[in-house]
Amino acid sequence: MAIQAINVRNQFKGKIKEIIEGPVLSEVDVETPAGTVTSVITTRSIKELNLGVGSEVIAFVKSTEVSIAKL
């Protein structure tokens, strides 16, 4: 399957660094040139996509809100 077009502008290509698998939801850490991006997806999706540590992926970030805190 190849992605031909997508409207998400924030895309980070990287490799899966770690998967913390739960019974229903799992955390996926993706190491990108910009840093680590963490996603929470269903464990079922991890299995259906055959994801594992070292898999090359694209992390898509789309949000209607971005919060900023002053340090």
PDB file of N, CA and C in Angstrom:
ATOM      1  N   MET A   1       0.844  -1.176   0.000  1.00  0.00           N
ATOM      2  CA  MET A   1       0.000   0.000   0.000  1.00  0.00           C
ATOM      3  C   MET A   1       0.888   1.238   0.000  1.00  0.00           C
ATOM      4  N   ALA A   2       0.591   2.181  -0.870  1.00  0.00           N
ATOM      5  CA  ALA A   2       1.349   3.418  -0.940  1.00  0.00           C
ATOM      6  C   ALA A   2       0.411   4.595  -0.722  1.00  0.00           C
ATOM      7  N   ILE A   3       0.865   5.551   0.045  1.00  0.00           N
ATOM      8  CA  ILE A   3       0.080   6.759   0.279  1.00  0.00           C
ATOM      9  C   ILE A   3       0.327   7.682  -0.903  1.00  0.00           C
ATOM     10  N   GLN A   4      -0.737   8.074  -1.582  1.00  0.00           N
ATOM     11  CA  GLN A   4      -0.602   8.957  -2.737  1.00  0.00           C
ATOM     12  C   GLN A   4      -0.721  10.420  -2.336  1.00  0.00           C
ATOM     13  N   ALA A   5      -1.595  10.716  -1.394  1.00  0.00           N
ATOM     14  CA  ALA A   5      -1.765  12.100  -0.947  1.00  0.00           C
ATOM     15  C   ALA A   5      -2.414  12.101   0.427  1.00  0.00           C
ATOM     16  N   ILE A   6      -2.036  13.083   1.232  1.00  0.00           N
ATOM     17  CA  ILE A   6      -2.633  13.239   2.558  1.00  0.00           C
ATOM     18  C   ILE A   6      -2.575  14.719   2.912  1.00  0.00           C
ATOM     19  N   ASN A   7      -3.556  15.203   3.650  1.00  0.00           N
ATOM     20  CA  ASN A   7      -3.615  16.632   3.944  1.00  0.00           C
ATOM     21  C   ASN A   7      -2.934  17.017   5.250  1.00  0.00           C
ATOM     22  N   VAL A   8      -2.281  16.091   5.908  1.00  0.00           N
ATOM     23  CA  VAL A   8      -1.587  16.392   7.160  1.00  0.00           C
ATOM     24  C   VAL A   8      -0.218  16.986   6.839  1.00  0.00           C
ATOM     25  N   ARG A   9       0.033  18.197   7.315  1.00  0.00           N
ATOM     26  CA  ARG A   9       1.288  18.876   6.980  1.00  0.00           C
ATOM     27  C   ARG A   9       2.449  18.457   7.882  1.00  0.00           C
ATOM     28  N   ASN A  10       2.153  18.134   9.128  1.00  0.00           N
ATOM     29  CA  ASN A  10       3.218  17.771  10.061  1.00  0.00           C
ATOM     30  C   ASN A  10       3.478  16.273   9.983  1.00  0.00           C
ATOM     31  N   GLN A  11       4.519  15.912   9.239  1.00  0.00           N
ATOM     32  CA  GLN A  11       4.869  14.520   9.030  1.00  0.00           C
ATOM     33  C   GLN A  11       6.317  14.312   9.460  1.00  0.00           C
ATOM     34  N   PHE A  12       6.548  13.249  10.201  1.00  0.00           N
ATOM     35  CA  PHE A  12       7.891  12.953  10.692  1.00  0.00           C
ATOM     36  C   PHE A  12       8.247  11.524  10.323  1.00  0.00           C
ATOM     37  N   LYS A  13       9.203  11.358   9.422  1.00  0.00           N
ATOM     38  CA  LYS A  13       9.659  10.022   9.040  1.00  0.00           C
ATOM     39  C   LYS A  13      10.656   9.541  10.086  1.00  0.00           C
ATOM     40  N   GLY A  14      10.519   8.282  10.470  1.00  0.00           N
ATOM     41  CA  GLY A  14      11.439   7.754  11.464  1.00  0.00           C
ATOM     42  C   GLY A  14      11.312   6.253  11.602  1.00  0.00           C
ATOM     43  N   LYS A  15      11.962   5.738  12.642  1.00  0.00           N
ATOM     44  CA  LYS A  15      11.924   4.309  12.947  1.00  0.00           C
ATOM     45  C   LYS A  15      11.369   4.102  14.342  1.00  0.00           C
ATOM     46  N   ILE A  16      10.622   3.024  14.481  1.00  0.00           N
ATOM     47  CA  ILE A  16      10.077   2.702  15.796  1.00  0.00           C
ATOM     48  C   ILE A  16      11.215   2.329  16.734  1.00  0.00           C
ATOM     49  N   LYS A  17      11.258   3.047  17.854  1.00  0.00           N
ATOM     50  CA  LYS A  17      12.312   2.835  18.858  1.00  0.00           C
ATOM     51  C   LYS A  17      11.838   1.885  19.953  1.00  0.00           C
ATOM     52  N   GLU A  18      10.552   1.996  20.318  1.00  0.00           N
ATOM     53  CA  GLU A  18      10.029   1.165  21.412  1.00  0.00           C
ATOM     54  C   GLU A  18       8.517   1.046  21.271  1.00  0.00           C
ATOM     55  N   ILE A  19       8.004  -0.119  21.660  1.00  0.00           N
ATOM     56  CA  ILE A  19       6.567  -0.330  21.734  1.00  0.00           C
ATOM     57  C   ILE A  19       6.248  -0.857  23.127  1.00  0.00           C
ATOM     58  N   ILE A  20       5.373  -0.143  23.830  1.00  0.00           N
ATOM     59  CA  ILE A  20       4.908  -0.602  25.131  1.00  0.00           C
ATOM     60  C   ILE A  20       3.491  -1.106  24.908  1.00  0.00           C
ATOM     61  N   GLU A  21       3.356  -2.414  24.825  1.00  0.00           N
ATOM     62  CA  GLU A  21       2.098  -3.023  24.429  1.00  0.00           C
ATOM     63  C   GLU A  21       1.187  -3.267  25.621  1.00  0.00           C
ATOM     64  N   GLY A  22      -0.055  -2.866  25.465  1.00  0.00           N
ATOM     65  CA  GLY A  22      -1.087  -3.130  26.455  1.00  0.00           C
ATOM     66  C   GLY A  22      -2.144  -4.038  25.859  1.00  0.00           C
ATOM     67  N   PRO A  23      -3.115  -4.451  26.650  1.00  0.00           N
ATOM     68  CA  PRO A  23      -4.136  -5.362  26.141  1.00  0.00           C
ATOM     69  C   PRO A  23      -5.021  -4.734  25.061  1.00  0.00           C
ATOM     70  N   VAL A  24      -5.259  -3.426  25.142  1.00  0.00           N
ATOM     71  CA  VAL A  24      -6.116  -2.754  24.164  1.00  0.00           C
ATOM     72  C   VAL A  24      -5.367  -1.635  23.446  1.00  0.00           C
ATOM     73  N   LEU A  25      -4.656  -0.798  24.196  1.00  0.00           N
ATOM     74  CA  LEU A  25      -3.894   0.316  23.642  1.00  0.00           C
ATOM     75  C   LEU A  25      -2.405   0.111  23.874  1.00  0.00           C
ATOM     76  N   SER A  26      -1.602   0.640  22.955  1.00  0.00           N
ATOM     77  CA  SER A  26      -0.148   0.539  23.073  1.00  0.00           C
ATOM     78  C   SER A  26       0.483   1.890  22.772  1.00  0.00           C
ATOM     79  N   GLU A  27       1.655   2.145  23.378  1.00  0.00           N
ATOM     80  CA  GLU A  27       2.440   3.341  23.095  1.00  0.00           C
ATOM     81  C   GLU A  27       3.529   2.977  22.100  1.00  0.00           C
ATOM     82  N   VAL A  28       3.691   3.812  21.082  1.00  0.00           N
ATOM     83  CA  VAL A  28       4.711   3.588  20.067  1.00  0.00           C
ATOM     84  C   VAL A  28       5.623   4.812  20.042  1.00  0.00           C
ATOM     85  N   ASP A  29       6.901   4.634  20.340  1.00  0.00           N
ATOM     86  CA  ASP A  29       7.883   5.712  20.274  1.00  0.00           C
ATOM     87  C   ASP A  29       8.588   5.644  18.930  1.00  0.00           C
ATOM     88  N   VAL A  30       8.533   6.766  18.186  1.00  0.00           N
ATOM     89  CA  VAL A  30       9.164   6.847  16.874  1.00  0.00           C
ATOM     90  C   VAL A  30      10.316   7.838  16.957  1.00  0.00           C
ATOM     91  N   GLU A  31      11.513   7.387  16.636  1.00  0.00           N
ATOM     92  CA  GLU A  31      12.699   8.246  16.639  1.00  0.00           C
ATOM     93  C   GLU A  31      12.779   8.939  15.288  1.00  0.00           C
ATOM     94  N   THR A  32      12.711  10.288  15.303  1.00  0.00           N
ATOM     95  CA  THR A  32      12.764  11.088  14.083  1.00  0.00           C
ATOM     96  C   THR A  32      13.934  12.059  14.174  1.00  0.00           C
ATOM     97  N   PRO A  33      14.312  12.690  13.063  1.00  0.00           N
ATOM     98  CA  PRO A  33      15.368  13.708  13.136  1.00  0.00           C
ATOM     99  C   PRO A  33      15.011  14.864  14.071  1.00  0.00           C
ATOM    100  N   ALA A  34      13.706  15.102  14.277  1.00  0.00           N
ATOM    101  CA  ALA A  34      13.260  16.184  15.155  1.00  0.00           C
ATOM    102  C   ALA A  34      13.176  15.758  16.615  1.00  0.00           C
ATOM    103  N   GLY A  35      13.345  14.471  16.899  1.00  0.00           N
ATOM    104  CA  GLY A  35      13.220  13.954  18.249  1.00  0.00           C
ATOM    105  C   GLY A  35      12.250  12.787  18.279  1.00  0.00           C
ATOM    106  N   THR A  36      11.887  12.369  19.463  1.00  0.00           N
ATOM    107  CA  THR A  36      10.990  11.224  19.617  1.00  0.00           C
ATOM    108  C   THR A  36       9.545  11.687  19.614  1.00  0.00           C
ATOM    109  N   VAL A  37       8.729  11.016  18.811  1.00  0.00           N
ATOM    110  CA  VAL A  37       7.293  11.257  18.747  1.00  0.00           C
ATOM    111  C   VAL A  37       6.622  10.010  19.300  1.00  0.00           C
ATOM    112  N   THR A  38       5.687  10.192  20.235  1.00  0.00           N
ATOM    113  CA  THR A  38       4.982   9.058  20.830  1.00  0.00           C
ATOM    114  C   THR A  38       3.529   9.069  20.389  1.00  0.00           C
ATOM    115  N   SER A  39       3.056   7.898  19.989  1.00  0.00           N
ATOM    116  CA  SER A  39       1.672   7.741  19.569  1.00  0.00           C
ATOM    117  C   SER A  39       1.025   6.650  20.405  1.00  0.00           C
ATOM    118  N   VAL A  40      -0.252   6.821  20.717  1.00  0.00           N
ATOM    119  CA  VAL A  40      -1.027   5.778  21.379  1.00  0.00           C
ATOM    120  C   VAL A  40      -2.024   5.262  20.354  1.00  0.00           C
ATOM    121  N   ILE A  41      -1.880   3.993  19.989  1.00  0.00           N
ATOM    122  CA  ILE A  41      -2.764   3.370  19.007  1.00  0.00           C
ATOM    123  C   ILE A  41      -3.240   2.033  19.557  1.00  0.00           C
ATOM    124  N   THR A  42      -4.207   1.461  18.894  1.00  0.00           N
ATOM    125  CA  THR A  42      -4.712   0.173  19.373  1.00  0.00           C
ATOM    126  C   THR A  42      -3.667  -0.918  19.152  1.00  0.00           C
ATOM    127  N   THR A  43      -3.651  -1.852  20.066  1.00  0.00           N
ATOM    128  CA  THR A  43      -2.748  -3.003  19.942  1.00  0.00           C
ATOM    129  C   THR A  43      -3.114  -3.798  18.700  1.00  0.00           C
ATOM    130  N   ARG A  44      -4.382  -3.837  18.388  1.00  0.00           N
ATOM    131  CA  ARG A  44      -4.838  -4.515  17.175  1.00  0.00           C
ATOM    132  C   ARG A  44      -4.203  -3.897  15.928  1.00  0.00           C
ATOM    133  N   SER A  45      -4.121  -2.566  15.876  1.00  0.00           N
ATOM    134  CA  SER A  45      -3.505  -1.891  14.734  1.00  0.00           C
ATOM    135  C   SER A  45      -2.029  -2.242  14.609  1.00  0.00           C
ATOM    136  N   ILE A  46      -1.340  -2.357  15.744  1.00  0.00           N
ATOM    137  CA  ILE A  46       0.073  -2.737  15.709  1.00  0.00           C
ATOM    138  C   ILE A  46       0.235  -4.096  15.042  1.00  0.00           C
ATOM    139  N   LYS A  47      -0.638  -5.013  15.392  1.00  0.00           N
ATOM    140  CA  LYS A  47      -0.563  -6.357  14.816  1.00  0.00           C
ATOM    141  C   LYS A  47      -0.963  -6.360  13.342  1.00  0.00           C
ATOM    142  N   GLU A  48      -2.035  -5.636  12.999  1.00  0.00           N
ATOM    143  CA  GLU A  48      -2.504  -5.601  11.608  1.00  0.00           C
ATOM    144  C   GLU A  48      -1.496  -4.929  10.683  1.00  0.00           C
ATOM    145  N   LEU A  49      -0.777  -3.915  11.188  1.00  0.00           N
ATOM    146  CA  LEU A  49       0.243  -3.222  10.398  1.00  0.00           C
ATOM    147  C   LEU A  49       1.605  -3.899  10.480  1.00  0.00           C
ATOM    148  N   ASN A  50       1.690  -4.954  11.302  1.00  0.00           N
ATOM    149  CA  ASN A  50       2.945  -5.692  11.485  1.00  0.00           C
ATOM    150  C   ASN A  50       4.079  -4.756  11.909  1.00  0.00           C
ATOM    151  N   LEU A  51       3.790  -3.904  12.899  1.00  0.00           N
ATOM    152  CA  LEU A  51       4.776  -2.953  13.392  1.00  0.00           C
ATOM    153  C   LEU A  51       5.666  -3.603  14.436  1.00  0.00           C
ATOM    154  N   GLY A  52       6.922  -3.219  14.421  1.00  0.00           N
ATOM    155  CA  GLY A  52       7.874  -3.704  15.406  1.00  0.00           C
ATOM    156  C   GLY A  52       9.010  -2.722  15.550  1.00  0.00           C
ATOM    157  N   VAL A  53       9.848  -2.922  16.537  1.00  0.00           N
ATOM    158  CA  VAL A  53      11.017  -2.068  16.734  1.00  0.00           C
ATOM    159  C   VAL A  53      11.860  -2.130  15.468  1.00  0.00           C
ATOM    160  N   GLY A  54      12.236  -0.965  14.955  1.00  0.00           N
ATOM    161  CA  GLY A  54      13.029  -0.880  13.736  1.00  0.00           C
ATOM    162  C   GLY A  54      12.207  -0.649  12.480  1.00  0.00           C
ATOM    163  N   SER A  55      10.879  -0.793  12.571  1.00  0.00           N
ATOM    164  CA  SER A  55      10.032  -0.543  11.401  1.00  0.00           C
ATOM    165  C   SER A  55      10.118   0.925  11.005  1.00  0.00           C
ATOM    166  N   GLU A  56      10.246   1.185   9.702  1.00  0.00           N
ATOM    167  CA  GLU A  56      10.231   2.555   9.210  1.00  0.00           C
ATOM    168  C   GLU A  56       8.791   2.995   9.047  1.00  0.00           C
ATOM    169  N   VAL A  57       8.471   4.165   9.610  1.00  0.00           N
ATOM    170  CA  VAL A  57       7.103   4.669   9.608  1.00  0.00           C
ATOM    171  C   VAL A  57       7.108   6.177   9.376  1.00  0.00           C
ATOM    172  N   ILE A  58       5.930   6.713   9.167  1.00  0.00           N
ATOM    173  CA  ILE A  58       5.731   8.160   9.153  1.00  0.00           C
ATOM    174  C   ILE A  58       4.729   8.474  10.248  1.00  0.00           C
ATOM    175  N   ALA A  59       5.096   9.389  11.134  1.00  0.00           N
ATOM    176  CA  ALA A  59       4.192   9.851  12.185  1.00  0.00           C
ATOM    177  C   ALA A  59       3.504  11.108  11.666  1.00  0.00           C
ATOM    178  N   PHE A  60       2.174  11.072  11.615  1.00  0.00           N
ATOM    179  CA  PHE A  60       1.385  12.216  11.174  1.00  0.00           C
ATOM    180  C   PHE A  60       0.805  12.889  12.405  1.00  0.00           C
ATOM    181  N   VAL A  61       0.997  14.203  12.496  1.00  0.00           N
ATOM    182  CA  VAL A  61       0.491  14.949  13.646  1.00  0.00           C
ATOM    183  C   VAL A  61      -0.520  15.961  13.137  1.00  0.00           C
ATOM    184  N   LYS A  62      -1.755  15.813  13.582  1.00  0.00           N
ATOM    185  CA  LYS A  62      -2.800  16.761  13.223  1.00  0.00           C
ATOM    186  C   LYS A  62      -3.560  17.087  14.498  1.00  0.00           C
ATOM    187  N   SER A  63      -3.630  18.352  14.797  1.00  0.00           N
ATOM    188  CA  SER A  63      -4.280  18.756  16.034  1.00  0.00           C
ATOM    189  C   SER A  63      -5.047  20.053  15.811  1.00  0.00           C
ATOM    190  N   THR A  64      -6.142  20.164  16.479  1.00  0.00           N
ATOM    191  CA  THR A  64      -6.895  21.419  16.412  1.00  0.00           C
ATOM    192  C   THR A  64      -6.423  22.392  17.478  1.00  0.00           C
ATOM    193  N   GLU A  65      -5.550  21.922  18.363  1.00  0.00           N
ATOM    194  CA  GLU A  65      -5.069  22.784  19.440  1.00  0.00           C
ATOM    195  C   GLU A  65      -3.632  22.431  19.780  1.00  0.00           C
ATOM    196  N   VAL A  66      -2.809  23.434  19.918  1.00  0.00           N
ATOM    197  CA  VAL A  66      -1.447  23.261  20.394  1.00  0.00           C
ATOM    198  C   VAL A  66      -1.279  24.171  21.595  1.00  0.00           C
ATOM    199  N   SER A  67      -0.927  23.618  22.736  1.00  0.00           N
ATOM    200  CA  SER A  67      -0.758  24.397  23.964  1.00  0.00           C
ATOM    201  C   SER A  67       0.701  24.789  24.133  1.00  0.00           C
ATOM    202  N   ILE A  68       0.917  25.964  24.698  1.00  0.00           N
ATOM    203  CA  ILE A  68       2.273  26.452  24.960  1.00  0.00           C
ATOM    204  C   ILE A  68       2.336  26.908  26.409  1.00  0.00           C
ATOM    205  N   ALA A  69       3.419  26.549  27.086  1.00  0.00           N
ATOM    206  CA  ALA A  69       3.629  26.989  28.463  1.00  0.00           C
ATOM    207  C   ALA A  69       4.938  27.778  28.528  1.00  0.00           C
ATOM    208  N   LYS A  70       4.937  28.887  29.237  1.00  0.00           N
ATOM    209  CA  LYS A  70       6.144  29.686  29.404  1.00  0.00           C
ATOM    210  C   LYS A  70       7.040  29.038  30.445  1.00  0.00           C
ATOM    211  N   LEU A  71       8.313  28.944  30.132  1.00  0.00           N
ATOM    212  CA  LEU A  71       9.286  28.351  31.075  1.00  0.00           C
ATOM    213  C   LEU A  71       9.874  29.416  31.966  1.00  0.00           C
TER     214      LEU A  71
END
